[in-house]
Amino acid sequence: MRVIAGTYGGREIRTVEGPGYRPATAKVRQAVFSMLEARGVDWSCARVLDLFAGSGSLGIEALSRGAQTVWFVEKNPRAADCLRGTLRDLRVPESCFRVFQADLLKLLARPAKEAFDVLFIDPPYGLDLLPPALLKAVRGDWIAPEAFVLAEVEARADLAGNVPAQLIPQTDRLYGQTRIILWQNKIPDSPSTPAPSIP
């Protein structure tokens, strides 16, 4: 698998094999970045969070396109080591990324020190991990106002009633057995205080 575009375009991304690992295909990655760029994402000032990162293909693609910083979260030590190897191969400056080998739901349970502009969430199929990840990300303030959240799930995933109300659907598309869903974080406006009446 190779990076599609940008600084590292054409360079190889290491991958791991095993249950639950499905690196995003070039077709899906191209569609993902087209969706985001069509909605005005400026990678040069974007902070990106790549959850259930696996090979890190989406986060690495964002770095290649100039993302300010990317945090990768991957629980499996072998996959996390593989991801670090790719970042070394590409000579990505260490100031531009962090790799957390951690349980994602535990990490998101902590209050965020900074919010992110783009979140990629690619959970293992069949474990229903997307709803709790979305809820914890919202409650912990990991998602900046107006930020985009993009999930890659199985085609048959049923999310009805399991998505926080402030995440407003933008698009929902099928690519074979893969379903790509994009939301935007629209935090409700605070009720305005009425101006005092003048007698």
C-alpha atoms as a PDB file:
ATOM      1  CA  MET A   1       0.000   0.000   0.000  1.00  0.00           C
ATOM      2  CA  ARG A   2       1.278   3.465  -0.893  1.00  0.00           C
ATOM      3  CA  VAL A   3       0.555   7.077  -0.003  1.00  0.00           C
ATOM      4  CA  ILE A   4      -1.647   8.628  -2.680  1.00  0.00           C
ATOM      5  CA  ALA A   5      -0.646  12.291  -2.757  1.00  0.00           C
ATOM      6  CA  GLY A   6       1.438  15.021  -1.213  1.00  0.00           C
ATOM      7  CA  THR A   7       4.965  15.071   0.201  1.00  0.00           C
ATOM      8  CA  TYR A   8       5.103  11.285   0.673  1.00  0.00           C
ATOM      9  CA  GLY A   9       3.080  10.412  -2.433  1.00  0.00           C
ATOM     10  CA  GLY A  10       4.078   7.025  -3.864  1.00  0.00           C
ATOM     11  CA  ARG A  11       5.946   5.981  -0.707  1.00  0.00           C
ATOM     12  CA  GLU A  12       5.127   2.662   0.949  1.00  0.00           C
ATOM     13  CA  ILE A  13       2.993   2.249   4.089  1.00  0.00           C
ATOM     14  CA  ARG A  14       3.784  -0.837   6.144  1.00  0.00           C
ATOM     15  CA  THR A  15       0.789  -3.007   7.024  1.00  0.00           C
ATOM     16  CA  VAL A  16       0.013  -5.766   9.504  1.00  0.00           C
ATOM     17  CA  GLU A  17      -2.194  -8.786   8.985  1.00  0.00           C
ATOM     18  CA  GLY A  18      -4.692 -10.233  11.420  1.00  0.00           C
ATOM     19  CA  PRO A  19      -8.347 -10.170  12.486  1.00  0.00           C
ATOM     20  CA  GLY A  20      -9.849  -6.696  12.377  1.00  0.00           C
ATOM     21  CA  TYR A  21      -7.121  -5.096  10.234  1.00  0.00           C
ATOM     22  CA  ARG A  22      -8.321  -3.707   6.902  1.00  0.00           C
ATOM     23  CA  PRO A  23      -6.081  -0.911   5.617  1.00  0.00           C
ATOM     24  CA  ALA A  24      -8.173   1.626   3.715  1.00  0.00           C
ATOM     25  CA  THR A  25      -7.914   1.012  -0.024  1.00  0.00           C
ATOM     26  CA  ALA A  26      -6.582   3.714  -2.329  1.00  0.00           C
ATOM     27  CA  LYS A  27     -10.110   4.217  -3.704  1.00  0.00           C
ATOM     28  CA  VAL A  28     -11.553   4.776  -0.218  1.00  0.00           C
ATOM     29  CA  ARG A  29      -8.697   7.062   0.860  1.00  0.00           C
ATOM     30  CA  GLN A  30      -9.083   9.162  -2.274  1.00  0.00           C
ATOM     31  CA  ALA A  31     -12.823   9.463  -1.641  1.00  0.00           C
ATOM     32  CA  VAL A  32     -12.256  10.402   2.017  1.00  0.00           C
ATOM     33  CA  PHE A  33      -9.848  13.211   1.209  1.00  0.00           C
ATOM     34  CA  SER A  34     -11.985  14.488  -1.648  1.00  0.00           C
ATOM     35  CA  MET A  35     -14.971  14.731   0.756  1.00  0.00           C
ATOM     36  CA  LEU A  36     -12.978  16.669   3.327  1.00  0.00           C
ATOM     37  CA  GLU A  37     -11.235  18.999   0.895  1.00  0.00           C
ATOM     38  CA  ALA A  38     -14.541  19.760  -0.847  1.00  0.00           C
ATOM     39  CA  ARG A  39     -15.784  20.972   2.548  1.00  0.00           C
ATOM     40  CA  GLY A  40     -12.880  23.362   2.983  1.00  0.00           C
ATOM     41  CA  VAL A  41     -10.460  21.427   5.196  1.00  0.00           C
ATOM     42  CA  ASP A  42      -7.101  23.232   5.144  1.00  0.00           C
ATOM     43  CA  TRP A  43      -4.534  20.597   6.048  1.00  0.00           C
ATOM     44  CA  SER A  44      -1.813  23.152   6.772  1.00  0.00           C
ATOM     45  CA  CYS A  45      -3.601  24.200   9.971  1.00  0.00           C
ATOM     46  CA  ALA A  46      -5.409  20.936  10.759  1.00  0.00           C
ATOM     47  CA  ARG A  47      -4.897  18.868  13.897  1.00  0.00           C
ATOM     48  CA  VAL A  48      -5.864  15.258  13.140  1.00  0.00           C
ATOM     49  CA  LEU A  49      -6.756  12.343  15.427  1.00  0.00           C
ATOM     50  CA  ASP A  50      -6.501   8.855  13.851  1.00  0.00           C
ATOM     51  CA  LEU A  51      -8.387   6.395  16.093  1.00  0.00           C
ATOM     52  CA  PHE A  52      -8.094   2.604  15.781  1.00  0.00           C
ATOM     53  CA  ALA A  53      -5.188   3.661  13.567  1.00  0.00           C
ATOM     54  CA  GLY A  54      -3.897   0.249  12.443  1.00  0.00           C
ATOM     55  CA  SER A  55      -1.413   0.986   9.668  1.00  0.00           C
ATOM     56  CA  GLY A  56      -2.124   4.702  10.066  1.00  0.00           C
ATOM     57  CA  SER A  57      -2.916   5.089   6.372  1.00  0.00           C
ATOM     58  CA  LEU A  58      -5.444   7.917   6.835  1.00  0.00           C
ATOM     59  CA  GLY A  59      -3.328   9.875   9.302  1.00  0.00           C
ATOM     60  CA  ILE A  60      -0.216   9.425   7.160  1.00  0.00           C
ATOM     61  CA  GLU A  61      -2.144  10.628   4.111  1.00  0.00           C
ATOM     62  CA  ALA A  62      -3.097  13.740   6.116  1.00  0.00           C
ATOM     63  CA  LEU A  63       0.549  14.316   7.090  1.00  0.00           C
ATOM     64  CA  SER A  64       1.564  13.937   3.463  1.00  0.00           C
ATOM     65  CA  ARG A  65      -0.923  16.659   2.537  1.00  0.00           C
ATOM     66  CA  GLY A  66       0.515  19.029   5.136  1.00  0.00           C
ATOM     67  CA  ALA A  67      -1.458  18.373   8.344  1.00  0.00           C
ATOM     68  CA  GLN A  68      -0.063  20.364  11.258  1.00  0.00           C
ATOM     69  CA  THR A  69      -0.032  17.347  13.560  1.00  0.00           C
ATOM     70  CA  VAL A  70      -1.508  13.845  13.735  1.00  0.00           C
ATOM     71  CA  TRP A  71      -2.066  11.737  16.831  1.00  0.00           C
ATOM     72  CA  PHE A  72      -2.395   8.011  16.162  1.00  0.00           C
ATOM     73  CA  VAL A  73      -4.088   5.704  18.692  1.00  0.00           C
ATOM     74  CA  GLU A  74      -3.650   1.944  18.263  1.00  0.00           C
ATOM     75  CA  LYS A  75      -4.069  -0.692  20.980  1.00  0.00           C
ATOM     76  CA  ASN A  76      -2.178  -3.570  19.327  1.00  0.00           C
ATOM     77  CA  PRO A  77       1.574  -3.310  20.088  1.00  0.00           C
ATOM     78  CA  ARG A  78       2.584  -5.001  16.813  1.00  0.00           C
ATOM     79  CA  ALA A  79       0.462  -2.606  14.752  1.00  0.00           C
ATOM     80  CA  ALA A  80       1.725   0.407  16.726  1.00  0.00           C
ATOM     81  CA  ASP A  81       5.346  -0.670  16.107  1.00  0.00           C
ATOM     82  CA  CYS A  82       4.593  -1.143  12.399  1.00  0.00           C
ATOM     83  CA  LEU A  83       3.117   2.372  12.259  1.00  0.00           C
ATOM     84  CA  ARG A  84       6.179   3.848  13.982  1.00  0.00           C
ATOM     85  CA  GLY A  85       8.323   2.026  11.393  1.00  0.00           C
ATOM     86  CA  THR A  86       6.446   3.656   8.513  1.00  0.00           C
ATOM     87  CA  LEU A  87       6.808   7.105  10.077  1.00  0.00           C
ATOM     88  CA  ARG A  88      10.570   6.489  10.457  1.00  0.00           C
ATOM     89  CA  ASP A  89      10.803   5.270   6.850  1.00  0.00           C
ATOM     90  CA  LEU A  90       9.086   8.428   5.647  1.00  0.00           C
ATOM     91  CA  ARG A  91      11.251  10.604   7.923  1.00  0.00           C
ATOM     92  CA  VAL A  92       8.209  12.443   9.237  1.00  0.00           C
ATOM     93  CA  PRO A  93       9.438  15.081  11.733  1.00  0.00           C
ATOM     94  CA  GLU A  94       8.754  13.899  15.278  1.00  0.00           C
ATOM     95  CA  SER A  95       7.154  17.264  16.071  1.00  0.00           C
ATOM     96  CA  CYS A  96       4.346  16.421  13.618  1.00  0.00           C
ATOM     97  CA  PHE A  97       2.982  13.249  15.212  1.00  0.00           C
ATOM     98  CA  ARG A  98       2.464  11.153  18.324  1.00  0.00           C
ATOM     99  CA  VAL A  99       1.739   7.421  18.468  1.00  0.00           C
ATOM    100  CA  PHE A 100      -0.215   6.143  21.470  1.00  0.00           C
ATOM    101  CA  GLN A 101      -0.230   2.397  22.039  1.00  0.00           C
ATOM    102  CA  ALA A 102      -3.296   2.505  24.251  1.00  0.00           C
ATOM    103  CA  ASP A 103      -6.899   1.425  24.711  1.00  0.00           C
ATOM    104  CA  LEU A 104      -8.783   4.046  22.753  1.00  0.00           C
ATOM    105  CA  LEU A 105     -11.882   4.176  24.961  1.00  0.00           C
ATOM    106  CA  LYS A 106      -9.758   4.668  28.071  1.00  0.00           C
ATOM    107  CA  LEU A 107      -7.744   7.415  26.399  1.00  0.00           C
ATOM    108  CA  LEU A 108     -10.863   9.246  25.214  1.00  0.00           C
ATOM    109  CA  ALA A 109     -12.328   9.058  28.722  1.00  0.00           C
ATOM    110  CA  ARG A 110      -9.723  11.625  29.797  1.00  0.00           C
ATOM    111  CA  PRO A 111     -10.512  15.303  29.155  1.00  0.00           C
ATOM    112  CA  ALA A 112      -8.688  16.508  26.057  1.00  0.00           C
ATOM    113  CA  LYS A 113      -5.932  19.077  26.451  1.00  0.00           C
ATOM    114  CA  GLU A 114      -6.525  20.190  22.870  1.00  0.00           C
ATOM    115  CA  ALA A 115      -9.351  19.607  20.416  1.00  0.00           C
ATOM    116  CA  PHE A 116      -8.879  18.204  16.917  1.00  0.00           C
ATOM    117  CA  ASP A 117     -10.122  19.483  13.572  1.00  0.00           C
ATOM    118  CA  VAL A 118     -10.439  16.100  11.813  1.00  0.00           C
ATOM    119  CA  LEU A 119     -11.063  12.709  13.443  1.00  0.00           C
ATOM    120  CA  PHE A 120     -10.710   9.433  11.582  1.00  0.00           C
ATOM    121  CA  ILE A 121     -12.374   6.456  13.289  1.00  0.00           C
ATOM    122  CA  ASP A 122     -11.893   2.992  11.778  1.00  0.00           C
ATOM    123  CA  PRO A 123     -12.998   0.425  14.401  1.00  0.00           C
ATOM    124  CA  PRO A 124     -12.768  -3.351  13.931  1.00  0.00           C
ATOM    125  CA  TYR A 125     -15.896  -4.669  12.258  1.00  0.00           C
ATOM    126  CA  GLY A 126     -18.583  -6.388  14.289  1.00  0.00           C
ATOM    127  CA  LEU A 127     -17.644  -5.082  17.761  1.00  0.00           C
ATOM    128  CA  ASP A 128     -19.954  -2.027  17.869  1.00  0.00           C
ATOM    129  CA  LEU A 129     -17.135   0.253  19.044  1.00  0.00           C
ATOM    130  CA  LEU A 130     -18.051   3.336  17.030  1.00  0.00           C
ATOM    131  CA  PRO A 131     -20.930   4.633  19.233  1.00  0.00           C
ATOM    132  CA  PRO A 132     -18.933   4.598  22.516  1.00  0.00           C
ATOM    133  CA  ALA A 133     -15.920   6.150  20.757  1.00  0.00           C
ATOM    134  CA  LEU A 134     -18.065   8.986  19.388  1.00  0.00           C
ATOM    135  CA  LEU A 135     -19.717   9.577  22.767  1.00  0.00           C
ATOM    136  CA  LYS A 136     -16.424   9.703  24.675  1.00  0.00           C
ATOM    137  CA  ALA A 137     -14.836  11.969  22.057  1.00  0.00           C
ATOM    138  CA  VAL A 138     -17.746  14.416  22.396  1.00  0.00           C
ATOM    139  CA  ARG A 139     -17.903  14.302  26.202  1.00  0.00           C
ATOM    140  CA  GLY A 140     -14.132  14.723  26.537  1.00  0.00           C
ATOM    141  CA  ASP A 141     -14.067  17.722  24.167  1.00  0.00           C
ATOM    142  CA  TRP A 142     -11.703  15.985  21.751  1.00  0.00           C
ATOM    143  CA  ILE A 143     -13.636  17.397  18.776  1.00  0.00           C
ATOM    144  CA  ALA A 144     -13.223  21.087  17.946  1.00  0.00           C
ATOM    145  CA  PRO A 145     -16.275  23.194  16.999  1.00  0.00           C
ATOM    146  CA  GLU A 146     -17.003  22.761  13.269  1.00  0.00           C
ATOM    147  CA  ALA A 147     -14.562  19.811  13.119  1.00  0.00           C
ATOM    148  CA  PHE A 148     -15.203  16.828  10.877  1.00  0.00           C
ATOM    149  CA  VAL A 149     -15.532  13.245  12.104  1.00  0.00           C
ATOM    150  CA  LEU A 150     -15.150  10.513   9.503  1.00  0.00           C
ATOM    151  CA  ALA A 151     -15.881   6.860  10.255  1.00  0.00           C
ATOM    152  CA  GLU A 152     -15.181   3.750   8.215  1.00  0.00           C
ATOM    153  CA  VAL A 153     -17.509   0.914   9.258  1.00  0.00           C
ATOM    154  CA  GLU A 154     -19.066  -2.220   7.818  1.00  0.00           C
ATOM    155  CA  ALA A 155     -21.837  -1.654   5.278  1.00  0.00           C
ATOM    156  CA  ARG A 156     -24.538  -3.143   7.514  1.00  0.00           C
ATOM    157  CA  ALA A 157     -23.679  -1.112  10.644  1.00  0.00           C
ATOM    158  CA  ASP A 158     -26.812   0.294  12.317  1.00  0.00           C
ATOM    159  CA  LEU A 159     -26.071   3.580  14.110  1.00  0.00           C
ATOM    160  CA  ALA A 160     -29.646   4.768  14.521  1.00  0.00           C
ATOM    161  CA  GLY A 161     -29.955   6.649  17.794  1.00  0.00           C
ATOM    162  CA  ASN A 162     -26.316   6.006  18.743  1.00  0.00           C
ATOM    163  CA  VAL A 163     -24.665   9.184  17.449  1.00  0.00           C
ATOM    164  CA  PRO A 164     -24.416  12.336  19.617  1.00  0.00           C
ATOM    165  CA  ALA A 165     -26.931  14.920  18.414  1.00  0.00           C
ATOM    166  CA  GLN A 166     -24.325  17.625  17.872  1.00  0.00           C
ATOM    167  CA  LEU A 167     -22.646  15.535  15.147  1.00  0.00           C
ATOM    168  CA  ILE A 168     -24.542  16.573  12.041  1.00  0.00           C
ATOM    169  CA  PRO A 169     -24.499  14.080   9.126  1.00  0.00           C
ATOM    170  CA  GLN A 170     -22.761  15.337   5.989  1.00  0.00           C
ATOM    171  CA  THR A 171     -22.570  12.239   3.807  1.00  0.00           C
ATOM    172  CA  ASP A 172     -22.991   8.465   4.012  1.00  0.00           C
ATOM    173  CA  ARG A 173     -21.606   6.328   1.174  1.00  0.00           C
ATOM    174  CA  LEU A 174     -20.967   2.674   0.395  1.00  0.00           C
ATOM    175  CA  TYR A 175     -17.793   1.357  -1.238  1.00  0.00           C
ATOM    176  CA  GLY A 176     -18.403  -2.373  -1.536  1.00  0.00           C
ATOM    177  CA  GLN A 177     -18.484  -3.732   2.037  1.00  0.00           C
ATOM    178  CA  THR A 178     -17.169  -0.437   3.445  1.00  0.00           C
ATOM    179  CA  ARG A 179     -19.405   2.394   4.601  1.00  0.00           C
ATOM    180  CA  ILE A 180     -17.974   5.907   4.968  1.00  0.00           C
ATOM    181  CA  ILE A 181     -19.903   8.321   7.191  1.00  0.00           C
ATOM    182  CA  LEU A 182     -18.968  11.976   7.651  1.00  0.00           C
ATOM    183  CA  TRP A 183     -20.294  14.273  10.392  1.00  0.00           C
ATOM    184  CA  GLN A 184     -19.582  17.852  11.397  1.00  0.00           C
ATOM    185  CA  ASN A 185     -19.489  18.947  15.021  1.00  0.00           C
ATOM    186  CA  LYS A 186     -22.118  21.646  15.468  1.00  0.00           C
ATOM    187  CA  ILE A 187     -22.116  22.619  19.139  1.00  0.00           C
ATOM    188  CA  PRO A 188     -25.501  24.141  20.061  1.00  0.00           C
ATOM    189  CA  ASP A 189     -25.440  27.892  20.592  1.00  0.00           C
ATOM    190  CA  SER A 190     -25.773  29.041  24.179  1.00  0.00           C
ATOM    191  CA  PRO A 191     -29.122  30.694  24.897  1.00  0.00           C
ATOM    192  CA  SER A 192     -28.672  34.425  24.503  1.00  0.00           C
ATOM    193  CA  THR A 193     -29.460  36.693  27.441  1.00  0.00           C
ATOM    194  CA  PRO A 194     -32.202  39.113  26.481  1.00  0.00           C
ATOM    195  CA  ALA A 195     -31.159  42.773  26.493  1.00  0.00           C
ATOM    196  CA  PRO A 196     -32.711  44.785  29.316  1.00  0.00           C
ATOM    197  CA  SER A 197     -35.710  46.798  28.269  1.00  0.00           C
ATOM    198  CA  ILE A 198     -35.399  50.576  28.298  1.00  0.00           C
ATOM    199  CA  PRO A 199     -38.321  52.316  29.982  1.00  0.00           C
END
